[in-house]
Amino acid sequence: MRLHLTVRDPEAVGAAPLLKREDLDAFAAGHGYPFIVKPADGTASLGVFRVAAPADADRVWAEVERLRGTHTDRISTLFVLQDFLMEEYVGGPEFSVESFSFAGRHVVVAITEKFVGPRHFAELGHAVPARLKVAVAEEVRERVRGFLDLIGLRDGVCYTEVRPGARGPAIGDTVRALKDNWDRLGLVAVTGPDATATIRRGAELVSDTVEIRIAGADGSGSRGRVTEAEDLAPVTGGVA
């Protein structure tokens, strides 16, 4: 399992399946450069590419076509590279967080600093413990614990990869425009002196800390809108 963290306001990381060559151009138009192409099922950073500019698209697409239907040639031969996806690039140094969970309690055993080559994503070396400021290390621990809660992990060991960068915590997830109750992404619980003030505080909290990007079927992009307090006007009159 993977979790990418960056440092400003939390924002959702855009992702989309890569089915045809034109998808690369459409994703770049909606999310900009650079972005990442990688297999949905894989290991050891095999088949992971950084698309930094339009000139990279043909080369990356040729590599994807070459790798489809193949598998790793080392240990993890069960991972067949078939489906590929595109993700926004999250910058910053890379770390892995090793943890053990029991009865829903997540204990971070270590944070490992990873050294990655400039032209690929292969790991060249590791250092334990990672050279992180105390406050940053604690934020990484808290974000990973929250992520493990979110995915429902209660017991077992976990290896989570993170990148604390320059924009704030980011989790990759796919969302769509609101059509029914199942499209709601979560909830924020706040308190206040009265209902109106509490509703406004909740909207402000979400607006200040969460950014949601929605990709349209035509490749266009839009930002999710936080419901304002005025949208939740009080109901007047009695109950029939």
Protein backbone atom coordinates (compact mmCIF):
# COMPACT_ATOMS: atom_id res chain seq x y z
CA MET A 1 0.00 0.00 0.00
CA ARG A 2 1.21 3.52 -0.83
CA LEU A 3 0.58 6.92 0.71
CA HIS A 4 2.12 10.04 -0.73
CA LEU A 5 2.38 13.10 1.54
CA THR A 6 3.36 16.55 0.40
CA VAL A 7 3.66 20.01 2.71
CA ARG A 8 0.53 23.33 2.21
CA ASP A 9 -3.13 22.54 2.26
CA PRO A 10 -4.10 18.89 1.78
CA GLU A 11 -5.16 18.21 -1.79
CA ALA A 12 -6.42 15.17 -3.62
CA VAL A 13 -3.99 13.59 -6.05
CA GLY A 14 -5.55 13.18 -9.51
CA ALA A 15 -5.43 9.71 -11.04
CA ALA A 16 -6.86 8.11 -14.17
CA PRO A 17 -6.47 4.83 -16.11
CA LEU A 18 -4.14 4.82 -19.12
CA LEU A 19 -5.96 3.04 -21.94
CA LYS A 20 -4.71 4.78 -25.09
CA ARG A 21 -1.95 7.16 -26.19
CA GLU A 22 -4.30 10.17 -26.19
CA ASP A 23 -4.97 9.68 -22.48
CA LEU A 24 -1.51 11.03 -21.75
CA ASP A 25 -2.30 14.34 -23.46
CA ALA A 26 -5.70 14.58 -21.81
CA PHE A 27 -4.26 13.99 -18.35
CA ALA A 28 -1.56 16.60 -18.91
CA ALA A 29 -4.18 19.11 -20.03
CA GLY A 30 -6.17 18.56 -16.85
CA HIS A 31 -3.35 18.22 -14.31
CA GLY A 32 -0.21 19.62 -15.89
CA TYR A 33 3.36 18.34 -15.95
CA PRO A 34 5.09 16.42 -14.54
CA PHE A 35 2.95 13.36 -13.83
CA ILE A 36 3.55 9.67 -13.20
CA VAL A 37 2.66 6.58 -15.23
CA LYS A 38 2.82 3.28 -13.37
CA PRO A 39 1.29 -0.21 -13.37
CA ALA A 40 -1.73 -0.86 -11.16
CA ASP A 41 -0.18 -4.18 -10.12
CA GLY A 42 3.56 -4.26 -9.74
CA THR A 43 6.51 -4.08 -7.41
CA ALA A 44 10.06 -2.74 -7.08
CA SER A 45 9.26 0.43 -9.12
CA LEU A 46 9.20 -1.58 -12.34
CA GLY A 47 7.31 0.24 -15.10
CA VAL A 48 7.13 3.59 -13.27
CA PHE A 49 7.77 6.60 -15.53
CA ARG A 50 7.84 10.37 -15.01
CA VAL A 51 6.27 12.35 -17.86
CA ALA A 52 7.95 15.74 -17.55
CA ALA A 53 6.94 17.31 -20.88
CA PRO A 54 4.94 16.58 -24.06
CA ALA A 55 8.10 15.20 -25.68
CA ASP A 56 8.10 12.30 -23.17
CA ALA A 57 4.64 11.01 -24.07
CA ASP A 58 5.53 8.90 -27.12
CA ARG A 59 8.50 7.29 -25.36
CA VAL A 60 6.48 6.45 -22.23
CA TRP A 61 3.57 5.07 -24.27
CA ALA A 62 5.99 2.82 -26.20
CA GLU A 63 7.38 1.52 -22.88
CA VAL A 64 3.87 0.86 -21.55
CA GLU A 65 2.97 -1.09 -24.69
CA ARG A 66 6.20 -3.08 -24.42
CA LEU A 67 5.56 -3.99 -20.77
CA ARG A 68 1.87 -4.91 -21.00
CA GLY A 69 1.37 -8.60 -20.38
CA THR A 70 4.87 -9.13 -19.00
CA HIS A 71 5.96 -9.65 -15.42
CA THR A 72 8.97 -8.94 -13.26
CA ASP A 73 12.00 -11.05 -14.04
CA ARG A 74 13.34 -11.30 -10.52
CA ILE A 75 11.50 -12.51 -7.42
CA SER A 76 7.93 -11.19 -7.74
CA THR A 77 7.05 -13.08 -10.93
CA LEU A 78 3.36 -13.26 -9.97
CA PHE A 79 2.89 -9.54 -10.68
CA VAL A 80 1.74 -9.28 -14.32
CA LEU A 81 1.95 -5.74 -15.68
CA GLN A 82 -1.34 -5.23 -17.49
CA ASP A 83 -3.28 -2.16 -16.37
CA PHE A 84 -1.49 1.19 -16.13
CA LEU A 85 -2.61 4.44 -14.55
CA MET A 86 -1.58 8.09 -14.47
CA GLU A 87 -1.10 10.09 -11.27
CA GLU A 88 -0.14 13.63 -10.42
CA TYR A 89 3.51 13.84 -9.42
CA VAL A 90 4.20 14.38 -5.72
CA GLY A 91 7.64 15.85 -5.13
CA GLY A 92 9.94 15.70 -2.15
CA PRO A 93 12.21 13.09 -0.56
CA GLU A 94 10.85 9.58 -0.09
CA PHE A 95 10.49 7.64 3.14
CA SER A 96 8.97 4.33 4.15
CA VAL A 97 7.07 3.86 7.39
CA GLU A 98 7.16 0.41 8.96
CA SER A 99 4.36 -0.25 11.41
CA PHE A 100 2.61 -2.97 13.35
CA SER A 101 -1.12 -2.85 14.12
CA PHE A 102 -3.10 -4.76 16.69
CA ALA A 103 -6.75 -4.26 17.63
CA GLY A 104 -6.80 -1.03 15.62
CA ARG A 105 -3.77 0.50 17.34
CA HIS A 106 -0.93 1.41 14.97
CA VAL A 107 2.62 1.43 16.31
CA VAL A 108 5.23 2.99 14.03
CA VAL A 109 8.40 0.94 14.43
CA ALA A 110 10.66 2.97 12.15
CA ILE A 111 10.80 5.66 9.49
CA THR A 112 13.34 4.79 6.80
CA GLU A 113 14.98 7.38 4.54
CA LYS A 114 15.19 6.19 0.93
CA PHE A 115 17.67 7.35 -1.71
CA VAL A 116 16.21 7.30 -5.23
CA GLY A 117 18.08 7.90 -8.49
CA PRO A 118 17.40 11.16 -10.39
CA ARG A 119 16.38 9.45 -13.66
CA HIS A 120 14.34 6.54 -12.31
CA PHE A 121 12.55 5.38 -9.17
CA ALA A 122 14.84 2.53 -8.18
CA GLU A 123 15.98 2.69 -4.57
CA LEU A 124 19.75 3.14 -4.30
CA GLY A 125 20.07 3.02 -0.53
CA HIS A 126 18.36 3.37 2.84
CA ALA A 127 19.10 5.02 6.18
CA VAL A 128 17.49 4.20 9.53
CA PRO A 129 16.41 6.26 11.35
CA ALA A 130 15.46 8.83 8.73
CA ARG A 131 16.94 12.31 9.05
CA LEU A 132 13.71 14.15 9.80
CA LYS A 133 12.95 17.02 12.12
CA VAL A 134 11.00 15.88 15.17
CA ALA A 135 7.85 17.77 14.14
CA VAL A 136 7.94 16.41 10.58
CA ALA A 137 8.51 12.85 11.79
CA GLU A 138 5.55 13.12 14.14
CA GLU A 139 3.35 14.48 11.34
CA VAL A 140 4.33 11.53 9.16
CA ARG A 141 3.44 9.11 11.97
CA GLU A 142 0.07 10.75 12.56
CA ARG A 143 -0.80 10.85 8.86
CA VAL A 144 0.12 7.19 8.40
CA ARG A 145 -1.93 6.19 11.45
CA GLY A 146 -4.89 8.11 10.03
CA PHE A 147 -4.42 6.44 6.66
CA LEU A 148 -4.36 2.98 8.22
CA ASP A 149 -7.55 3.83 10.10
CA LEU A 150 -9.10 5.00 6.84
CA ILE A 151 -8.40 1.75 4.99
CA GLY A 152 -9.63 -0.29 7.94
CA LEU A 153 -6.40 -2.05 8.88
CA ARG A 154 -6.65 -3.40 12.43
CA ASP A 155 -4.07 -6.18 12.75
CA GLY A 156 -0.80 -6.99 11.04
CA VAL A 157 2.34 -5.38 9.66
CA CYS A 158 2.36 -2.57 7.10
CA TYR A 159 4.88 -0.82 4.86
CA THR A 160 3.71 2.65 3.79
CA GLU A 161 5.69 4.91 1.45
CA VAL A 162 5.42 8.67 2.02
CA ARG A 163 6.80 11.91 0.59
CA PRO A 164 6.72 15.01 2.81
CA GLY A 165 7.16 17.81 0.30
CA ALA A 166 6.19 21.47 -0.03
CA ARG A 167 2.37 21.50 -0.27
CA GLY A 168 0.75 19.55 2.57
CA PRO A 169 -0.62 16.02 3.06
CA ALA A 170 -2.02 14.45 -0.09
CA ILE A 171 -3.78 11.06 -0.43
CA GLY A 172 -4.47 9.61 -3.97
CA ASP A 173 -8.18 8.64 -4.31
CA THR A 174 -10.72 8.68 -7.19
CA VAL A 175 -13.87 10.74 -6.68
CA ARG A 176 -16.72 11.87 -8.89
CA ALA A 177 -19.25 14.68 -9.00
CA LEU A 178 -21.97 14.46 -6.34
CA LYS A 179 -24.97 12.47 -7.60
CA ASP A 180 -26.22 10.64 -4.51
CA ASN A 181 -25.37 9.98 -0.87
CA TRP A 182 -22.69 7.43 -1.80
CA ASP A 183 -20.65 10.17 -3.45
CA ARG A 184 -20.05 12.00 -0.17
CA LEU A 185 -16.37 11.73 0.69
CA GLY A 186 -16.44 11.93 4.47
CA LEU A 187 -17.51 14.08 7.37
CA VAL A 188 -16.13 16.80 9.60
CA ALA A 189 -17.34 17.05 13.21
CA VAL A 190 -17.16 20.53 14.78
CA THR A 191 -18.77 22.36 17.70
CA GLY A 192 -19.91 25.97 18.09
CA PRO A 193 -22.16 28.31 20.06
CA ASP A 194 -25.15 27.66 17.76
CA ALA A 195 -26.08 25.65 14.66
CA THR A 196 -25.38 28.42 12.12
CA ALA A 197 -21.94 29.21 13.55
CA THR A 198 -21.10 25.51 13.70
CA ILE A 199 -22.10 24.92 10.06
CA ARG A 200 -20.02 27.91 8.97
CA ARG A 201 -17.04 26.69 10.98
CA GLY A 202 -17.26 23.25 9.37
CA ALA A 203 -17.33 24.76 5.87
CA GLU A 204 -14.35 26.99 6.69
CA LEU A 205 -12.38 24.07 8.10
CA VAL A 206 -12.91 21.96 4.98
CA SER A 207 -12.21 24.91 2.68
CA ASP A 208 -8.93 25.70 4.47
CA THR A 209 -7.59 22.14 4.60
CA VAL A 210 -9.05 20.06 1.76
CA GLU A 211 -8.94 20.52 -2.00
CA ILE A 212 -10.83 18.10 -4.27
CA ARG A 213 -10.15 17.91 -8.00
CA ILE A 214 -12.76 16.19 -10.18
CA ALA A 215 -11.86 14.86 -13.63
CA GLY A 216 -14.65 14.91 -16.22
CA ALA A 217 -15.27 12.13 -18.70
CA ASP A 218 -14.04 14.43 -21.48
CA GLY A 219 -10.71 14.97 -19.73
CA SER A 220 -11.64 18.35 -18.31
CA GLY A 221 -11.05 19.13 -14.64
CA SER A 222 -12.89 21.04 -11.95
CA ARG A 223 -12.58 21.68 -8.24
CA GLY A 224 -15.05 20.39 -5.67
CA ARG A 225 -17.04 23.13 -3.92
CA VAL A 226 -17.54 23.27 -0.18
CA THR A 227 -21.16 23.74 0.84
CA GLU A 228 -21.59 27.22 2.29
CA ALA A 229 -23.61 28.01 5.38
CA GLU A 230 -26.08 29.97 3.22
CA ASP A 231 -26.80 26.79 1.24
CA LEU A 232 -28.08 25.22 4.44
CA ALA A 233 -30.65 27.85 5.30
CA PRO A 234 -32.87 27.01 8.29
CA VAL A 235 -36.28 25.55 7.55
CA THR A 236 -39.18 27.75 8.65
CA GLY A 237 -42.71 26.71 9.58
CA GLY A 238 -44.15 23.74 11.39
CA VAL A 239 -44.15 20.04 10.67
CA ALA A 240 -47.20 18.63 8.91
